[in-house]
């Protein structure tokens, strides 16, 4: 089941309204998010919003076809989110709740991602 986080309602409405506008995310970040086998660990709702915004700009959505502004209500907070070549829908997905074993097969881009955002 998917839902919109209540605290982000206005934020995501604003994102949806500007979909035709220039993205707020750098080309370097977009290109990396479009690759596979990475994950980002977030600690706050603000960090989650930054990640989901960048994924929206990159055209990266959930494995089930939902856009980046939707989150699974059963997933723990915080949890790593990433893209995996191991999933059946690897071209358009990013994943929540990767196991420790799966994390070993993916690159942790957390520090890089948030540093790049700070440098924009």
PDB file of N, CA and C in Angstrom:
ATOM      1  N   UNK A   1       0.846  -1.180   0.000  1.00  0.00           N
ATOM      2  CA  UNK A   1       0.000   0.000   0.000  1.00  0.00           C
ATOM      3  C   UNK A   1       0.890   1.241   0.000  1.00  0.00           C
ATOM      4  N   UNK A   2       0.547   2.212  -0.821  1.00  0.00           N
ATOM      5  CA  UNK A   2       1.326   3.438  -0.918  1.00  0.00           C
ATOM      6  C   UNK A   2       0.546   4.596  -0.338  1.00  0.00           C
ATOM      7  N   UNK A   3       1.271   5.570   0.197  1.00  0.00           N
ATOM      8  CA  UNK A   3       0.628   6.773   0.689  1.00  0.00           C
ATOM      9  C   UNK A   3       1.602   7.929   0.587  1.00  0.00           C
ATOM     10  N   UNK A   4       1.079   9.132   0.666  1.00  0.00           N
ATOM     11  CA  UNK A   4       1.916  10.319   0.704  1.00  0.00           C
ATOM     12  C   UNK A   4       2.139  10.674   2.168  1.00  0.00           C
ATOM     13  N   UNK A   5       3.391  10.949   2.531  1.00  0.00           N
ATOM     14  CA  UNK A   5       3.670  11.336   3.903  1.00  0.00           C
ATOM     15  C   UNK A   5       2.941  12.640   4.213  1.00  0.00           C
ATOM     16  N   UNK A   6       2.117  12.677   5.271  1.00  0.00           N
ATOM     17  CA  UNK A   6       1.333  13.872   5.553  1.00  0.00           C
ATOM     18  C   UNK A   6       2.175  15.129   5.722  1.00  0.00           C
ATOM     19  N   UNK A   7       3.339  15.032   6.347  1.00  0.00           N
ATOM     20  CA  UNK A   7       4.153  16.212   6.589  1.00  0.00           C
ATOM     21  C   UNK A   7       4.759  16.779   5.305  1.00  0.00           C
ATOM     22  N   UNK A   8       4.706  16.015   4.219  1.00  0.00           N
ATOM     23  CA  UNK A   8       5.271  16.460   2.958  1.00  0.00           C
ATOM     24  C   UNK A   8       4.208  16.878   1.951  1.00  0.00           C
ATOM     25  N   UNK A   9       2.933  16.881   2.313  1.00  0.00           N
ATOM     26  CA  UNK A   9       1.868  17.136   1.336  1.00  0.00           C
ATOM     27  C   UNK A   9       2.118  18.386   0.506  1.00  0.00           C
ATOM     28  N   UNK A  10       2.381  19.514   1.148  1.00  0.00           N
ATOM     29  CA  UNK A  10       2.624  20.754   0.417  1.00  0.00           C
ATOM     30  C   UNK A  10       3.872  20.693  -0.423  1.00  0.00           C
ATOM     31  N   UNK A  11       4.901  20.068   0.114  1.00  0.00           N
ATOM     32  CA  UNK A  11       6.171  19.919  -0.589  1.00  0.00           C
ATOM     33  C   UNK A  11       5.974  19.143  -1.882  1.00  0.00           C
ATOM     34  N   UNK A  12       5.281  18.001  -1.823  1.00  0.00           N
ATOM     35  CA  UNK A  12       5.101  17.171  -2.994  1.00  0.00           C
ATOM     36  C   UNK A  12       4.122  17.789  -3.979  1.00  0.00           C
ATOM     37  N   UNK A  13       3.137  18.536  -3.498  1.00  0.00           N
ATOM     38  CA  UNK A  13       2.233  19.240  -4.400  1.00  0.00           C
ATOM     39  C   UNK A  13       3.017  20.261  -5.205  1.00  0.00           C
ATOM     40  N   UNK A  14       3.916  20.973  -4.529  1.00  0.00           N
ATOM     41  CA  UNK A  14       4.760  21.946  -5.220  1.00  0.00           C
ATOM     42  C   UNK A  14       5.632  21.254  -6.256  1.00  0.00           C
ATOM     43  N   UNK A  15       6.182  20.086  -5.923  1.00  0.00           N
ATOM     44  CA  UNK A  15       7.006  19.342  -6.877  1.00  0.00           C
ATOM     45  C   UNK A  15       6.189  18.935  -8.094  1.00  0.00           C
ATOM     46  N   UNK A  16       4.986  18.451  -7.879  1.00  0.00           N
ATOM     47  CA  UNK A  16       4.137  18.024  -8.988  1.00  0.00           C
ATOM     48  C   UNK A  16       3.790  19.214  -9.880  1.00  0.00           C
ATOM     49  N   UNK A  17       3.578  20.388  -9.263  1.00  0.00           N
ATOM     50  CA  UNK A  17       3.227  21.578 -10.020  1.00  0.00           C
ATOM     51  C   UNK A  17       4.357  22.051 -10.921  1.00  0.00           C
ATOM     52  N   UNK A  18       5.600  21.760 -10.568  1.00  0.00           N
ATOM     53  CA  UNK A  18       6.727  22.271 -11.323  1.00  0.00           C
ATOM     54  C   UNK A  18       7.366  21.223 -12.229  1.00  0.00           C
ATOM     55  N   UNK A  19       6.705  20.100 -12.472  1.00  0.00           N
ATOM     56  CA  UNK A  19       7.313  19.018 -13.241  1.00  0.00           C
ATOM     57  C   UNK A  19       7.827  19.470 -14.598  1.00  0.00           C
ATOM     58  N   UNK A  20       7.214  20.431 -15.232  1.00  0.00           N
ATOM     59  CA  UNK A  20       7.689  20.906 -16.523  1.00  0.00           C
ATOM     60  C   UNK A  20       8.805  21.916 -16.400  1.00  0.00           C
ATOM     61  N   UNK A  21       9.076  22.401 -15.206  1.00  0.00           N
ATOM     62  CA  UNK A  21      10.113  23.395 -14.984  1.00  0.00           C
ATOM     63  C   UNK A  21      11.489  22.755 -14.953  1.00  0.00           C
ATOM     64  N   UNK A  22      12.507  23.609 -14.937  1.00  0.00           N
ATOM     65  CA  UNK A  22      13.884  23.157 -14.797  1.00  0.00           C
ATOM     66  C   UNK A  22      14.033  22.429 -13.462  1.00  0.00           C
ATOM     67  N   UNK A  23      14.795  21.341 -13.454  1.00  0.00           N
ATOM     68  CA  UNK A  23      14.979  20.581 -12.224  1.00  0.00           C
ATOM     69  C   UNK A  23      15.830  21.358 -11.235  1.00  0.00           C
ATOM     70  N   UNK A  24      15.675  21.005  -9.976  1.00  0.00           N
ATOM     71  CA  UNK A  24      16.461  21.628  -8.915  1.00  0.00           C
ATOM     72  C   UNK A  24      17.709  20.800  -8.609  1.00  0.00           C
ATOM     73  N   UNK A  25      17.881  19.679  -9.264  1.00  0.00           N
ATOM     74  CA  UNK A  25      18.967  18.755  -8.981  1.00  0.00           C
ATOM     75  C   UNK A  25      20.011  18.822 -10.093  1.00  0.00           C
ATOM     76  N   UNK A  26      21.287  18.787  -9.710  1.00  0.00           N
ATOM     77  CA  UNK A  26      22.365  18.889 -10.697  1.00  0.00           C
ATOM     78  C   UNK A  26      22.382  17.686 -11.636  1.00  0.00           C
ATOM     79  N   UNK A  27      22.934  17.917 -12.816  1.00  0.00           N
ATOM     80  CA  UNK A  27      23.052  16.860 -13.815  1.00  0.00           C
ATOM     81  C   UNK A  27      23.903  15.706 -13.264  1.00  0.00           C
ATOM     82  N   UNK A  28      24.934  16.017 -12.502  1.00  0.00           N
ATOM     83  CA  UNK A  28      25.825  14.995 -11.938  1.00  0.00           C
ATOM     84  C   UNK A  28      25.054  14.056 -11.001  1.00  0.00           C
ATOM     85  N   UNK A  29      24.202  14.615 -10.154  1.00  0.00           N
ATOM     86  CA  UNK A  29      23.396  13.795  -9.237  1.00  0.00           C
ATOM     87  C   UNK A  29      22.379  12.979 -10.024  1.00  0.00           C
ATOM     88  N   UNK A  30      21.715  13.616 -10.976  1.00  0.00           N
ATOM     89  CA  UNK A  30      20.713  12.909 -11.785  1.00  0.00           C
ATOM     90  C   UNK A  30      21.343  11.719 -12.499  1.00  0.00           C
ATOM     91  N   UNK A  31      22.501  11.928 -13.103  1.00  0.00           N
ATOM     92  CA  UNK A  31      23.159  10.836 -13.818  1.00  0.00           C
ATOM     93  C   UNK A  31      23.516   9.680 -12.878  1.00  0.00           C
ATOM     94  N   UNK A  32      23.939   9.982 -11.664  1.00  0.00           N
ATOM     95  CA  UNK A  32      24.298   8.909 -10.723  1.00  0.00           C
ATOM     96  C   UNK A  32      23.063   8.163 -10.252  1.00  0.00           C
ATOM     97  N   UNK A  33      21.985   8.877  -9.983  1.00  0.00           N
ATOM     98  CA  UNK A  33      20.757   8.226  -9.519  1.00  0.00           C
ATOM     99  C   UNK A  33      20.142   7.346 -10.604  1.00  0.00           C
ATOM    100  N   UNK A  34      20.406   7.648 -11.853  1.00  0.00           N
ATOM    101  CA  UNK A  34      19.879   6.842 -12.939  1.00  0.00           C
ATOM    102  C   UNK A  34      20.665   5.554 -13.143  1.00  0.00           C
ATOM    103  N   UNK A  35      21.828   5.447 -12.511  1.00  0.00           N
ATOM    104  CA  UNK A  35      22.601   4.205 -12.564  1.00  0.00           C
ATOM    105  C   UNK A  35      22.005   3.210 -11.569  1.00  0.00           C
ATOM    106  N   UNK A  36      22.581   2.002 -11.537  1.00  0.00           N
ATOM    107  CA  UNK A  36      22.071   0.945 -10.669  1.00  0.00           C
ATOM    108  C   UNK A  36      23.045   0.625  -9.541  1.00  0.00           C
ATOM    109  N   UNK A  37      22.555  -0.176  -8.605  1.00  0.00           N
ATOM    110  CA  UNK A  37      23.345  -0.753  -7.515  1.00  0.00           C
ATOM    111  C   UNK A  37      23.960   0.295  -6.584  1.00  0.00           C
ATOM    112  N   UNK A  38      23.099   1.188  -6.084  1.00  0.00           N
ATOM    113  CA  UNK A  38      23.492   2.181  -5.096  1.00  0.00           C
ATOM    114  C   UNK A  38      22.428   2.251  -4.016  1.00  0.00           C
ATOM    115  N   UNK A  39      22.785   2.850  -2.902  1.00  0.00           N
ATOM    116  CA  UNK A  39      21.792   3.168  -1.875  1.00  0.00           C
ATOM    117  C   UNK A  39      22.218   4.407  -1.107  1.00  0.00           C
ATOM    118  N   UNK A  40      21.224   5.059  -0.502  1.00  0.00           N
ATOM    119  CA  UNK A  40      21.418   6.230   0.344  1.00  0.00           C
ATOM    120  C   UNK A  40      20.699   5.959   1.653  1.00  0.00           C
ATOM    121  N   UNK A  41      21.362   6.259   2.750  1.00  0.00           N
ATOM    122  CA  UNK A  41      20.726   6.163   4.065  1.00  0.00           C
ATOM    123  C   UNK A  41      20.355   7.568   4.517  1.00  0.00           C
ATOM    124  N   UNK A  42      19.116   7.763   4.888  1.00  0.00           N
ATOM    125  CA  UNK A  42      18.660   9.057   5.379  1.00  0.00           C
ATOM    126  C   UNK A  42      18.326   8.914   6.857  1.00  0.00           C
ATOM    127  N   UNK A  43      18.442  10.026   7.600  1.00  0.00           N
ATOM    128  CA  UNK A  43      18.181   9.991   9.040  1.00  0.00           C
ATOM    129  C   UNK A  43      16.992  10.849   9.447  1.00  0.00           C
ATOM    130  N   UNK A  44      16.580  11.746   8.589  1.00  0.00           N
ATOM    131  CA  UNK A  44      15.488  12.659   8.926  1.00  0.00           C
ATOM    132  C   UNK A  44      14.493  12.721   7.769  1.00  0.00           C
ATOM    133  N   UNK A  45      13.322  13.245   8.052  1.00  0.00           N
ATOM    134  CA  UNK A  45      12.335  13.443   6.990  1.00  0.00           C
ATOM    135  C   UNK A  45      12.846  14.435   5.958  1.00  0.00           C
ATOM    136  N   UNK A  46      13.622  15.419   6.397  1.00  0.00           N
ATOM    137  CA  UNK A  46      14.187  16.402   5.467  1.00  0.00           C
ATOM    138  C   UNK A  46      15.140  15.717   4.484  1.00  0.00           C
ATOM    139  N   UNK A  47      16.016  14.835   4.990  1.00  0.00           N
ATOM    140  CA  UNK A  47      16.922  14.104   4.108  1.00  0.00           C
ATOM    141  C   UNK A  47      16.143  13.212   3.141  1.00  0.00           C
ATOM    142  N   UNK A  48      15.084  12.584   3.640  1.00  0.00           N
ATOM    143  CA  UNK A  48      14.231  11.763   2.774  1.00  0.00           C
ATOM    144  C   UNK A  48      13.620  12.620   1.671  1.00  0.00           C
ATOM    145  N   UNK A  49      13.127  13.803   2.023  1.00  0.00           N
ATOM    146  CA  UNK A  49      12.526  14.699   1.030  1.00  0.00           C
ATOM    147  C   UNK A  49      13.548  15.120  -0.018  1.00  0.00           C
ATOM    148  N   UNK A  50      14.789  15.396   0.410  1.00  0.00           N
ATOM    149  CA  UNK A  50      15.839  15.762  -0.546  1.00  0.00           C
ATOM    150  C   UNK A  50      16.113  14.618  -1.514  1.00  0.00           C
ATOM    151  N   UNK A  51      16.194  13.397  -0.984  1.00  0.00           N
ATOM    152  CA  UNK A  51      16.445  12.230  -1.820  1.00  0.00           C
ATOM    153  C   UNK A  51      15.292  11.989  -2.795  1.00  0.00           C
ATOM    154  N   UNK A  52      14.056  12.040  -2.296  1.00  0.00           N
ATOM    155  CA  UNK A  52      12.902  11.793  -3.163  1.00  0.00           C
ATOM    156  C   UNK A  52      12.768  12.873  -4.231  1.00  0.00           C
ATOM    157  N   UNK A  53      13.082  14.121  -3.883  1.00  0.00           N
ATOM    158  CA  UNK A  53      13.056  15.207  -4.862  1.00  0.00           C
ATOM    159  C   UNK A  53      14.073  14.939  -5.969  1.00  0.00           C
ATOM    160  N   UNK A  54      15.287  14.539  -5.588  1.00  0.00           N
ATOM    161  CA  UNK A  54      16.324  14.256  -6.582  1.00  0.00           C
ATOM    162  C   UNK A  54      15.914  13.073  -7.463  1.00  0.00           C
ATOM    163  N   UNK A  55      15.325  12.050  -6.866  1.00  0.00           N
ATOM    164  CA  UNK A  55      14.858  10.894  -7.652  1.00  0.00           C
ATOM    165  C   UNK A  55      13.748  11.301  -8.606  1.00  0.00           C
ATOM    166  N   UNK A  56      12.854  12.167  -8.166  1.00  0.00           N
ATOM    167  CA  UNK A  56      11.799  12.667  -9.042  1.00  0.00           C
ATOM    168  C   UNK A  56      12.411  13.401 -10.227  1.00  0.00           C
ATOM    169  N   UNK A  57      13.391  14.275  -9.955  1.00  0.00           N
ATOM    170  CA  UNK A  57      14.077  15.007 -11.023  1.00  0.00           C
ATOM    171  C   UNK A  57      14.785  14.057 -11.987  1.00  0.00           C
ATOM    172  N   UNK A  58      15.302  12.939 -11.454  1.00  0.00           N
ATOM    173  CA  UNK A  58      16.034  11.970 -12.269  1.00  0.00           C
ATOM    174  C   UNK A  58      15.113  10.995 -12.994  1.00  0.00           C
ATOM    175  N   UNK A  59      13.832  11.064 -12.724  1.00  0.00           N
ATOM    176  CA  UNK A  59      12.888  10.141 -13.344  1.00  0.00           C
ATOM    177  C   UNK A  59      12.958   8.743 -12.773  1.00  0.00           C
ATOM    178  N   UNK A  60      13.431   8.630 -11.539  1.00  0.00           N
ATOM    179  CA  UNK A  60      13.568   7.337 -10.874  1.00  0.00           C
ATOM    180  C   UNK A  60      12.383   7.152  -9.938  1.00  0.00           C
ATOM    181  N   UNK A  61      11.650   6.062 -10.118  1.00  0.00           N
ATOM    182  CA  UNK A  61      10.483   5.793  -9.285  1.00  0.00           C
ATOM    183  C   UNK A  61      10.579   4.442  -8.616  1.00  0.00           C
ATOM    184  N   UNK A  62       9.573   4.120  -7.850  1.00  0.00           N
ATOM    185  CA  UNK A  62       9.518   2.848  -7.139  1.00  0.00           C
ATOM    186  C   UNK A  62       9.383   1.686  -8.106  1.00  0.00           C
ATOM    187  N   UNK A  63       9.803   0.512  -7.693  1.00  0.00           N
ATOM    188  CA  UNK A  63       9.774  -0.695  -8.522  1.00  0.00           C
ATOM    189  C   UNK A  63       8.369  -1.054  -8.985  1.00  0.00           C
ATOM    190  N   UNK A  64       7.348  -0.609  -8.245  1.00  0.00           N
ATOM    191  CA  UNK A  64       5.974  -0.954  -8.619  1.00  0.00           C
ATOM    192  C   UNK A  64       5.325   0.088  -9.526  1.00  0.00           C
ATOM    193  N   UNK A  65       6.101   1.061  -9.972  1.00  0.00           N
ATOM    194  CA  UNK A  65       5.590   2.063 -10.895  1.00  0.00           C
ATOM    195  C   UNK A  65       5.204   3.376 -10.253  1.00  0.00           C
ATOM    196  N   UNK A  66       5.165   3.433  -8.915  1.00  0.00           N
ATOM    197  CA  UNK A  66       4.845   4.682  -8.237  1.00  0.00           C
ATOM    198  C   UNK A  66       5.953   5.696  -8.431  1.00  0.00           C
ATOM    199  N   UNK A  67       5.587   6.982  -8.385  1.00  0.00           N
ATOM    200  CA  UNK A  67       6.632   7.994  -8.545  1.00  0.00           C
ATOM    201  C   UNK A  67       7.389   8.185  -7.232  1.00  0.00           C
ATOM    202  N   UNK A  68       8.446   8.955  -7.288  1.00  0.00           N
ATOM    203  CA  UNK A  68       9.353   9.092  -6.155  1.00  0.00           C
ATOM    204  C   UNK A  68       8.726   9.777  -4.940  1.00  0.00           C
ATOM    205  N   UNK A  69       7.587  10.402  -5.108  1.00  0.00           N
ATOM    206  CA  UNK A  69       6.973  11.081  -3.976  1.00  0.00           C
ATOM    207  C   UNK A  69       6.080  10.174  -3.150  1.00  0.00           C
ATOM    208  N   UNK A  70       5.996   8.914  -3.521  1.00  0.00           N
ATOM    209  CA  UNK A  70       5.197   7.949  -2.773  1.00  0.00           C
ATOM    210  C   UNK A  70       6.135   7.052  -1.982  1.00  0.00           C
ATOM    211  N   UNK A  71       5.709   6.663  -0.788  1.00  0.00           N
ATOM    212  CA  UNK A  71       6.529   5.801   0.058  1.00  0.00           C
ATOM    213  C   UNK A  71       5.656   4.698   0.635  1.00  0.00           C
ATOM    214  N   UNK A  72       6.241   3.549   0.858  1.00  0.00           N
ATOM    215  CA  UNK A  72       5.519   2.396   1.382  1.00  0.00           C
ATOM    216  C   UNK A  72       5.326   2.577   2.882  1.00  0.00           C
ATOM    217  N   UNK A  73       4.076   2.468   3.354  1.00  0.00           N
ATOM    218  CA  UNK A  73       3.795   2.748   4.764  1.00  0.00           C
ATOM    219  C   UNK A  73       4.364   1.713   5.722  1.00  0.00           C
ATOM    220  N   UNK A  74       4.703   0.531   5.261  1.00  0.00           N
ATOM    221  CA  UNK A  74       5.215  -0.495   6.160  1.00  0.00           C
ATOM    222  C   UNK A  74       6.734  -0.449   6.309  1.00  0.00           C
ATOM    223  N   UNK A  75       7.404   0.414   5.559  1.00  0.00           N
ATOM    224  CA  UNK A  75       8.855   0.489   5.647  1.00  0.00           C
ATOM    225  C   UNK A  75       9.290   1.242   6.897  1.00  0.00           C
ATOM    226  N   UNK A  76      10.384   0.774   7.511  1.00  0.00           N
ATOM    227  CA  UNK A  76      10.871   1.435   8.725  1.00  0.00           C
ATOM    228  C   UNK A  76      11.474   2.797   8.399  1.00  0.00           C
ATOM    229  N   UNK A  77      11.488   3.654   9.379  1.00  0.00           N
ATOM    230  CA  UNK A  77      12.104   4.971   9.229  1.00  0.00           C
ATOM    231  C   UNK A  77      13.214   5.083  10.244  1.00  0.00           C
ATOM    232  N   UNK A  78      14.415   5.406   9.891  1.00  0.00           N
ATOM    233  CA  UNK A  78      14.899   5.526   8.520  1.00  0.00           C
ATOM    234  C   UNK A  78      15.325   4.179   7.957  1.00  0.00           C
ATOM    235  N   UNK A  79      15.443   4.106   6.664  1.00  0.00           N
ATOM    236  CA  UNK A  79      15.859   2.879   5.984  1.00  0.00           C
ATOM    237  C   UNK A  79      16.642   3.263   4.729  1.00  0.00           C
ATOM    238  N   UNK A  80      17.598   2.432   4.312  1.00  0.00           N
ATOM    239  CA  UNK A  80      18.308   2.742   3.063  1.00  0.00           C
ATOM    240  C   UNK A  80      17.357   2.650   1.870  1.00  0.00           C
ATOM    241  N   UNK A  81      17.565   3.522   0.909  1.00  0.00           N
ATOM    242  CA  UNK A  81      16.810   3.505  -0.339  1.00  0.00           C
ATOM    243  C   UNK A  81      17.827   3.407  -1.454  1.00  0.00           C
ATOM    244  N   UNK A  82      17.584   2.543  -2.440  1.00  0.00           N
ATOM    245  CA  UNK A  82      18.550   2.407  -3.523  1.00  0.00           C
ATOM    246  C   UNK A  82      17.968   1.797  -4.769  1.00  0.00           C
ATOM    247  N   UNK A  83      18.820   1.640  -5.772  1.00  0.00           N
ATOM    248  CA  UNK A  83      18.444   0.997  -7.036  1.00  0.00           C
ATOM    249  C   UNK A  83      19.275  -0.265  -7.174  1.00  0.00           C
ATOM    250  N   UNK A  84      18.670  -1.308  -7.709  1.00  0.00           N
ATOM    251  CA  UNK A  84      19.349  -2.592  -7.794  1.00  0.00           C
ATOM    252  C   UNK A  84      19.158  -3.251  -9.156  1.00  0.00           C
ATOM    253  N   UNK A  85      20.246  -3.776  -9.698  1.00  0.00           N
ATOM    254  CA  UNK A  85      20.159  -4.534 -10.942  1.00  0.00           C
ATOM    255  C   UNK A  85      19.615  -5.931 -10.690  1.00  0.00           C
ATOM    256  N   UNK A  86      19.471  -6.298  -9.424  1.00  0.00           N
ATOM    257  CA  UNK A  86      19.007  -7.641  -9.065  1.00  0.00           C
ATOM    258  C   UNK A  86      17.475  -7.752  -9.103  1.00  0.00           C
ATOM    259  N   UNK A  87      16.787  -6.639  -9.145  1.00  0.00           N
ATOM    260  CA  UNK A  87      15.322  -6.634  -9.117  1.00  0.00           C
ATOM    261  C   UNK A  87      14.778  -6.792 -10.534  1.00  0.00           C
ATOM    262  N   UNK A  88      13.622  -7.387 -10.665  1.00  0.00           N
ATOM    263  CA  UNK A  88      13.030  -7.650 -11.977  1.00  0.00           C
ATOM    264  C   UNK A  88      12.730  -6.379 -12.774  1.00  0.00           C
ATOM    265  N   UNK A  89      12.549  -5.263 -12.127  1.00  0.00           N
ATOM    266  CA  UNK A  89      12.243  -4.001 -12.785  1.00  0.00           C
ATOM    267  C   UNK A  89      13.369  -3.007 -12.489  1.00  0.00           C
ATOM    268  N   UNK A  90      14.592  -3.396 -12.827  1.00  0.00           N
ATOM    269  CA  UNK A  90      15.756  -2.623 -12.423  1.00  0.00           C
ATOM    270  C   UNK A  90      15.887  -1.263 -13.090  1.00  0.00           C
ATOM    271  N   UNK A  91      15.221  -1.021 -14.201  1.00  0.00           N
ATOM    272  CA  UNK A  91      15.399   0.238 -14.902  1.00  0.00           C
ATOM    273  C   UNK A  91      14.663   1.413 -14.269  1.00  0.00           C
ATOM    274  N   UNK A  92      13.619   1.165 -13.518  1.00  0.00           N
ATOM    275  CA  UNK A  92      12.796   2.262 -13.016  1.00  0.00           C
ATOM    276  C   UNK A  92      12.546   2.203 -11.510  1.00  0.00           C
ATOM    277  N   UNK A  93      13.344   1.467 -10.767  1.00  0.00           N
ATOM    278  CA  UNK A  93      13.023   1.309  -9.356  1.00  0.00           C
ATOM    279  C   UNK A  93      14.074   1.815  -8.406  1.00  0.00           C
ATOM    280  N   UNK A  94      13.633   2.203  -7.233  1.00  0.00           N
ATOM    281  CA  UNK A  94      14.545   2.364  -6.124  1.00  0.00           C
ATOM    282  C   UNK A  94      13.896   1.727  -4.919  1.00  0.00           C
ATOM    283  N   UNK A  95      14.700   1.214  -4.002  1.00  0.00           N
ATOM    284  CA  UNK A  95      14.226   0.229  -3.045  1.00  0.00           C
ATOM    285  C   UNK A  95      14.433   0.651  -1.605  1.00  0.00           C
ATOM    286  N   UNK A  96      13.515   0.231  -0.770  1.00  0.00           N
ATOM    287  CA  UNK A  96      13.551   0.507   0.666  1.00  0.00           C
ATOM    288  C   UNK A  96      13.751  -0.820   1.381  1.00  0.00           C
ATOM    289  N   UNK A  97      14.496  -0.797   2.459  1.00  0.00           N
ATOM    290  CA  UNK A  97      14.609  -1.987   3.280  1.00  0.00           C
ATOM    291  C   UNK A  97      15.529  -3.057   2.717  1.00  0.00           C
ATOM    292  N   UNK A  98      16.612  -2.665   2.054  1.00  0.00           N
ATOM    293  CA  UNK A  98      17.570  -3.644   1.557  1.00  0.00           C
ATOM    294  C   UNK A  98      18.180  -4.416   2.728  1.00  0.00           C
ATOM    295  N   UNK A  99      18.380  -5.713   2.581  1.00  0.00           N
ATOM    296  CA  UNK A  99      18.997  -6.520   3.629  1.00  0.00           C
ATOM    297  C   UNK A  99      20.485  -6.219   3.709  1.00  0.00           C
ATOM    298  N   UNK A 100      21.118  -6.608   4.817  1.00  0.00           N
ATOM    299  CA  UNK A 100      22.558  -6.404   4.957  1.00  0.00           C
ATOM    300  C   UNK A 100      23.319  -7.073   3.821  1.00  0.00           C
ATOM    301  N   UNK A 101      22.887  -8.262   3.440  1.00  0.00           N
ATOM    302  CA  UNK A 101      23.546  -8.984   2.347  1.00  0.00           C
ATOM    303  C   UNK A 101      23.402  -8.220   1.025  1.00  0.00           C
ATOM    304  N   UNK A 102      22.232  -7.693   0.766  1.00  0.00           N
ATOM    305  CA  UNK A 102      22.011  -6.925  -0.456  1.00  0.00           C
ATOM    306  C   UNK A 102      22.810  -5.621  -0.438  1.00  0.00           C
ATOM    307  N   UNK A 103      22.939  -5.002   0.722  1.00  0.00           N
ATOM    308  CA  UNK A 103      23.699  -3.755   0.813  1.00  0.00           C
ATOM    309  C   UNK A 103      25.153  -3.967   0.416  1.00  0.00           C
ATOM    310  N   UNK A 104      25.705  -5.128   0.695  1.00  0.00           N
ATOM    311  CA  UNK A 104      27.094  -5.426   0.344  1.00  0.00           C
ATOM    312  C   UNK A 104      27.305  -5.429  -1.164  1.00  0.00           C
ATOM    313  N   UNK A 105      26.235  -5.620  -1.927  1.00  0.00           N
ATOM    314  CA  UNK A 105      26.320  -5.676  -3.381  1.00  0.00           C
ATOM    315  C   UNK A 105      26.023  -4.324  -4.032  1.00  0.00           C
ATOM    316  N   UNK A 106      25.852  -3.300  -3.217  1.00  0.00           N
ATOM    317  CA  UNK A 106      25.516  -1.970  -3.704  1.00  0.00           C
ATOM    318  C   UNK A 106      26.503  -0.950  -3.141  1.00  0.00           C
ATOM    319  N   UNK A 107      26.678   0.149  -3.858  1.00  0.00           N
ATOM    320  CA  UNK A 107      27.570   1.208  -3.401  1.00  0.00           C
ATOM    321  C   UNK A 107      26.804   2.180  -2.511  1.00  0.00           C
ATOM    322  N   UNK A 108      27.363   2.452  -1.358  1.00  0.00           N
ATOM    323  CA  UNK A 108      26.787   3.440  -0.445  1.00  0.00           C
ATOM    324  C   UNK A 108      27.193   4.823  -0.947  1.00  0.00           C
ATOM    325  N   UNK A 109      26.237   5.583  -1.490  1.00  0.00           N
ATOM    326  CA  UNK A 109      26.525   6.925  -2.005  1.00  0.00           C
ATOM    327  C   UNK A 109      25.983   8.009  -1.080  1.00  0.00           C
ATOM    328  N   UNK A 110      25.689   7.649   0.154  1.00  0.00           N
ATOM    329  CA  UNK A 110      25.084   8.589   1.100  1.00  0.00           C
ATOM    330  C   UNK A 110      25.917   9.854   1.258  1.00  0.00           C
ATOM    331  N   UNK A 111      27.174   9.710   1.654  1.00  0.00           N
ATOM    332  CA  UNK A 111      28.023  10.888   1.885  1.00  0.00           C
ATOM    333  C   UNK A 111      28.178  11.701   0.603  1.00  0.00           C
ATOM    334  N   UNK A 112      28.438  11.013  -0.515  1.00  0.00           N
ATOM    335  CA  UNK A 112      28.594  11.696  -1.795  1.00  0.00           C
ATOM    336  C   UNK A 112      27.328  12.467  -2.147  1.00  0.00           C
ATOM    337  N   UNK A 113      26.164  11.831  -2.024  1.00  0.00           N
ATOM    338  CA  UNK A 113      24.896  12.447  -2.398  1.00  0.00           C
ATOM    339  C   UNK A 113      24.649  13.742  -1.621  1.00  0.00           C
ATOM    340  N   UNK A 114      24.746  13.681  -0.298  1.00  0.00           N
ATOM    341  CA  UNK A 114      24.453  14.876   0.498  1.00  0.00           C
ATOM    342  C   UNK A 114      25.531  15.956   0.338  1.00  0.00           C
ATOM    343  N   UNK A 115      26.778  15.558   0.100  1.00  0.00           N
ATOM    344  CA  UNK A 115      27.839  16.536  -0.171  1.00  0.00           C
ATOM    345  C   UNK A 115      27.580  17.241  -1.495  1.00  0.00           C
ATOM    346  N   UNK A 116      27.193  16.489  -2.515  1.00  0.00           N
ATOM    347  CA  UNK A 116      26.866  17.093  -3.815  1.00  0.00           C
ATOM    348  C   UNK A 116      25.703  18.077  -3.690  1.00  0.00           C
ATOM    349  N   UNK A 117      24.688  17.724  -2.903  1.00  0.00           N
ATOM    350  CA  UNK A 117      23.564  18.644  -2.704  1.00  0.00           C
ATOM    351  C   UNK A 117      24.036  19.936  -2.027  1.00  0.00           C
ATOM    352  N   UNK A 118      24.902  19.797  -1.054  1.00  0.00           N
ATOM    353  CA  UNK A 118      25.420  20.991  -0.354  1.00  0.00           C
ATOM    354  C   UNK A 118      26.218  21.876  -1.312  1.00  0.00           C
ATOM    355  N   UNK A 119      26.883  21.283  -2.284  1.00  0.00           N
ATOM    356  CA  UNK A 119      27.734  22.038  -3.210  1.00  0.00           C
ATOM    357  C   UNK A 119      26.985  22.656  -4.379  1.00  0.00           C
ATOM    358  N   UNK A 120      25.694  22.374  -4.517  1.00  0.00           N
ATOM    359  CA  UNK A 120      24.908  22.923  -5.648  1.00  0.00           C
ATOM    360  C   UNK A 120      24.687  24.405  -5.470  1.00  0.00           C
TER     361      UNK A 120
END
